[in-house]
Amino acid sequence: MATIDVDGVKREASLLLLDDAGVGDYVIVHAGFAIHKIDEDGALETLKLLKEAADYVDSLQKREGETK
């Protein structure tokens, strides 16, 4: 088991499916299992895109709330 950090949120994830994951590595986690190791640039770009998508959804929800 490992402790993972996603933008400050810490969770537990299993490393059983990866042979070579270590401290400081970036991994894709699905259903509590680390399933793929990725490079730092790819991880940071993915986190940026996820944050932008979440901000967009938030802005839509705020707009929707203003029209009710």
N, C-alpha and C. Protein backbone atom coordinates (compact mmCIF):
# COMPACT_ATOMS: atom_id res chain seq x y z
N MET A 1 0.84 -1.18 0.00
CA MET A 1 0.00 0.00 0.00
C MET A 1 0.89 1.24 0.00
N ALA A 2 0.32 2.31 -0.55
CA ALA A 2 1.04 3.57 -0.61
C ALA A 2 0.06 4.70 -0.31
N THR A 3 0.61 5.79 0.19
CA THR A 3 -0.18 7.00 0.35
C THR A 3 0.07 7.86 -0.87
N ILE A 4 -1.01 8.24 -1.56
CA ILE A 4 -0.89 9.09 -2.73
C ILE A 4 -1.44 10.47 -2.40
N ASP A 5 -0.99 11.45 -3.15
CA ASP A 5 -1.42 12.84 -2.94
C ASP A 5 -1.88 13.40 -4.28
N VAL A 6 -3.13 13.82 -4.31
CA VAL A 6 -3.67 14.46 -5.51
C VAL A 6 -4.09 15.86 -5.11
N ASP A 7 -3.26 16.82 -5.45
CA ASP A 7 -3.55 18.22 -5.17
C ASP A 7 -3.86 18.46 -3.69
N GLY A 8 -3.08 17.81 -2.84
CA GLY A 8 -3.23 18.00 -1.40
C GLY A 8 -4.17 17.03 -0.72
N VAL A 9 -4.90 16.23 -1.48
CA VAL A 9 -5.81 15.23 -0.91
C VAL A 9 -5.06 13.90 -0.85
N LYS A 10 -4.92 13.37 0.34
CA LYS A 10 -4.17 12.12 0.52
C LYS A 10 -5.13 10.94 0.61
N ARG A 11 -4.74 9.85 -0.08
CA ARG A 11 -5.52 8.61 -0.10
C ARG A 11 -4.56 7.42 -0.11
N GLU A 12 -5.12 6.26 0.15
CA GLU A 12 -4.34 5.02 0.09
C GLU A 12 -4.58 4.36 -1.26
N ALA A 13 -3.54 3.77 -1.84
CA ALA A 13 -3.66 3.04 -3.10
C ALA A 13 -2.75 1.82 -3.05
N SER A 14 -3.20 0.76 -3.66
CA SER A 14 -2.42 -0.46 -3.73
C SER A 14 -1.41 -0.37 -4.87
N LEU A 15 -0.21 -0.89 -4.64
CA LEU A 15 0.84 -0.95 -5.66
C LEU A 15 1.01 -2.37 -6.21
N LEU A 16 0.08 -3.26 -5.91
CA LEU A 16 0.20 -4.66 -6.32
C LEU A 16 0.32 -4.84 -7.83
N LEU A 17 -0.24 -3.94 -8.62
CA LEU A 17 -0.23 -4.10 -10.08
C LEU A 17 0.99 -3.49 -10.75
N LEU A 18 1.83 -2.80 -9.98
CA LEU A 18 3.03 -2.17 -10.55
C LEU A 18 4.28 -2.77 -9.91
N ASP A 19 5.25 -3.06 -10.74
CA ASP A 19 6.49 -3.64 -10.23
C ASP A 19 7.48 -2.59 -9.74
N ASP A 20 7.46 -1.40 -10.36
CA ASP A 20 8.57 -0.48 -10.13
C ASP A 20 8.17 0.90 -9.62
N ALA A 21 7.01 1.04 -8.99
CA ALA A 21 6.60 2.35 -8.46
C ALA A 21 7.34 2.63 -7.16
N GLY A 22 7.76 3.88 -7.00
CA GLY A 22 8.47 4.26 -5.80
C GLY A 22 8.07 5.65 -5.34
N VAL A 23 8.64 6.07 -4.23
CA VAL A 23 8.37 7.39 -3.68
C VAL A 23 8.72 8.46 -4.71
N GLY A 24 7.78 9.38 -4.92
CA GLY A 24 7.99 10.47 -5.86
C GLY A 24 7.53 10.18 -7.28
N ASP A 25 7.17 8.93 -7.58
CA ASP A 25 6.67 8.59 -8.91
C ASP A 25 5.24 9.07 -9.07
N TYR A 26 4.86 9.31 -10.31
CA TYR A 26 3.49 9.66 -10.65
C TYR A 26 2.83 8.43 -11.24
N VAL A 27 1.61 8.14 -10.75
CA VAL A 27 0.90 6.95 -11.21
C VAL A 27 -0.56 7.29 -11.51
N ILE A 28 -1.15 6.51 -12.39
CA ILE A 28 -2.59 6.57 -12.63
C ILE A 28 -3.23 5.60 -11.64
N VAL A 29 -4.25 6.07 -10.92
CA VAL A 29 -4.94 5.24 -9.94
C VAL A 29 -6.38 5.05 -10.37
N HIS A 30 -6.82 3.80 -10.34
CA HIS A 30 -8.22 3.48 -10.66
C HIS A 30 -8.72 2.49 -9.62
N ALA A 31 -9.84 2.81 -9.02
CA ALA A 31 -10.48 1.92 -8.05
C ALA A 31 -9.53 1.51 -6.93
N GLY A 32 -8.67 2.44 -6.52
CA GLY A 32 -7.77 2.17 -5.40
C GLY A 32 -6.48 1.45 -5.76
N PHE A 33 -6.25 1.21 -7.05
CA PHE A 33 -5.04 0.52 -7.50
C PHE A 33 -4.23 1.42 -8.43
N ALA A 34 -2.94 1.53 -8.17
CA ALA A 34 -2.05 2.21 -9.12
C ALA A 34 -1.91 1.26 -10.31
N ILE A 35 -2.27 1.76 -11.51
CA ILE A 35 -2.30 0.87 -12.67
C ILE A 35 -1.26 1.20 -13.73
N HIS A 36 -0.66 2.40 -13.63
CA HIS A 36 0.30 2.79 -14.66
C HIS A 36 1.19 3.91 -14.13
N LYS A 37 2.47 3.80 -14.36
CA LYS A 37 3.40 4.86 -13.98
C LYS A 37 3.57 5.81 -15.16
N ILE A 38 3.55 7.13 -14.90
CA ILE A 38 3.70 8.12 -15.97
C ILE A 38 4.80 9.11 -15.59
N ASP A 39 5.32 9.82 -16.60
CA ASP A 39 6.38 10.78 -16.32
C ASP A 39 5.80 12.06 -15.71
N GLU A 40 6.67 12.84 -15.10
CA GLU A 40 6.24 14.04 -14.39
C GLU A 40 5.53 15.04 -15.30
N ASP A 41 6.08 15.27 -16.50
CA ASP A 41 5.47 16.23 -17.41
C ASP A 41 4.03 15.82 -17.77
N GLY A 42 3.84 14.55 -18.07
CA GLY A 42 2.51 14.05 -18.39
C GLY A 42 1.56 14.18 -17.21
N ALA A 43 2.06 13.89 -16.02
CA ALA A 43 1.24 13.97 -14.81
C ALA A 43 0.82 15.42 -14.54
N LEU A 44 1.76 16.33 -14.65
CA LEU A 44 1.44 17.74 -14.37
C LEU A 44 0.48 18.31 -15.41
N GLU A 45 0.64 17.92 -16.66
CA GLU A 45 -0.28 18.37 -17.71
C GLU A 45 -1.68 17.81 -17.46
N THR A 46 -1.76 16.55 -17.08
CA THR A 46 -3.06 15.93 -16.79
C THR A 46 -3.74 16.61 -15.61
N LEU A 47 -2.98 16.89 -14.55
CA LEU A 47 -3.55 17.58 -13.39
C LEU A 47 -4.05 18.97 -13.77
N LYS A 48 -3.30 19.66 -14.63
CA LYS A 48 -3.70 20.99 -15.09
C LYS A 48 -5.03 20.91 -15.85
N LEU A 49 -5.14 19.95 -16.75
CA LEU A 49 -6.37 19.79 -17.53
C LEU A 49 -7.56 19.41 -16.65
N LEU A 50 -7.34 18.54 -15.68
CA LEU A 50 -8.42 18.16 -14.77
C LEU A 50 -8.89 19.35 -13.95
N LYS A 51 -7.94 20.18 -13.52
CA LYS A 51 -8.29 21.38 -12.75
C LYS A 51 -9.09 22.35 -13.62
N GLU A 52 -8.68 22.53 -14.87
CA GLU A 52 -9.42 23.41 -15.79
C GLU A 52 -10.84 22.90 -16.02
N ALA A 53 -10.98 21.59 -16.18
CA ALA A 53 -12.30 21.00 -16.39
C ALA A 53 -13.19 21.20 -15.16
N ALA A 54 -12.63 21.01 -13.98
CA ALA A 54 -13.39 21.21 -12.74
C ALA A 54 -13.80 22.67 -12.58
N ASP A 55 -12.90 23.60 -12.91
CA ASP A 55 -13.22 25.02 -12.85
C ASP A 55 -14.35 25.37 -13.82
N TYR A 56 -14.32 24.77 -15.00
CA TYR A 56 -15.37 25.01 -16.00
C TYR A 56 -16.72 24.52 -15.49
N VAL A 57 -16.75 23.31 -14.93
CA VAL A 57 -18.00 22.77 -14.39
C VAL A 57 -18.50 23.67 -13.26
N ASP A 58 -17.61 24.12 -12.39
CA ASP A 58 -18.00 25.03 -11.31
C ASP A 58 -18.62 26.31 -11.86
N SER A 59 -18.03 26.86 -12.91
CA SER A 59 -18.55 28.10 -13.48
C SER A 59 -19.94 27.86 -14.10
N LEU A 60 -20.15 26.71 -14.71
CA LEU A 60 -21.47 26.39 -15.25
C LEU A 60 -22.51 26.26 -14.14
N GLN A 61 -22.13 25.62 -13.06
CA GLN A 61 -23.05 25.44 -11.94
C GLN A 61 -23.39 26.78 -11.30
N LYS A 62 -22.41 27.68 -11.20
CA LYS A 62 -22.68 29.01 -10.65
C LYS A 62 -23.65 29.78 -11.54
N ARG A 63 -23.42 29.70 -12.85
CA ARG A 63 -24.30 30.37 -13.81
C ARG A 63 -25.72 29.81 -13.72
N GLU A 64 -25.80 28.50 -13.60
CA GLU A 64 -27.11 27.85 -13.49
C GLU A 64 -27.82 28.32 -12.23
N GLY A 65 -27.07 28.45 -11.14
CA GLY A 65 -27.66 28.91 -9.87
C GLY A 65 -28.13 30.35 -9.94
N GLU A 66 -27.47 31.17 -10.74
CA GLU A 66 -27.84 32.57 -10.87
C GLU A 66 -29.13 32.74 -11.67
N THR A 67 -29.46 31.79 -12.52
CA THR A 67 -30.63 31.92 -13.38
C THR A 67 -31.89 31.33 -12.74
N LYS A 68 -31.76 30.72 -11.61
CA LYS A 68 -32.93 30.12 -10.93
C LYS A 68 -33.61 31.13 -10.05
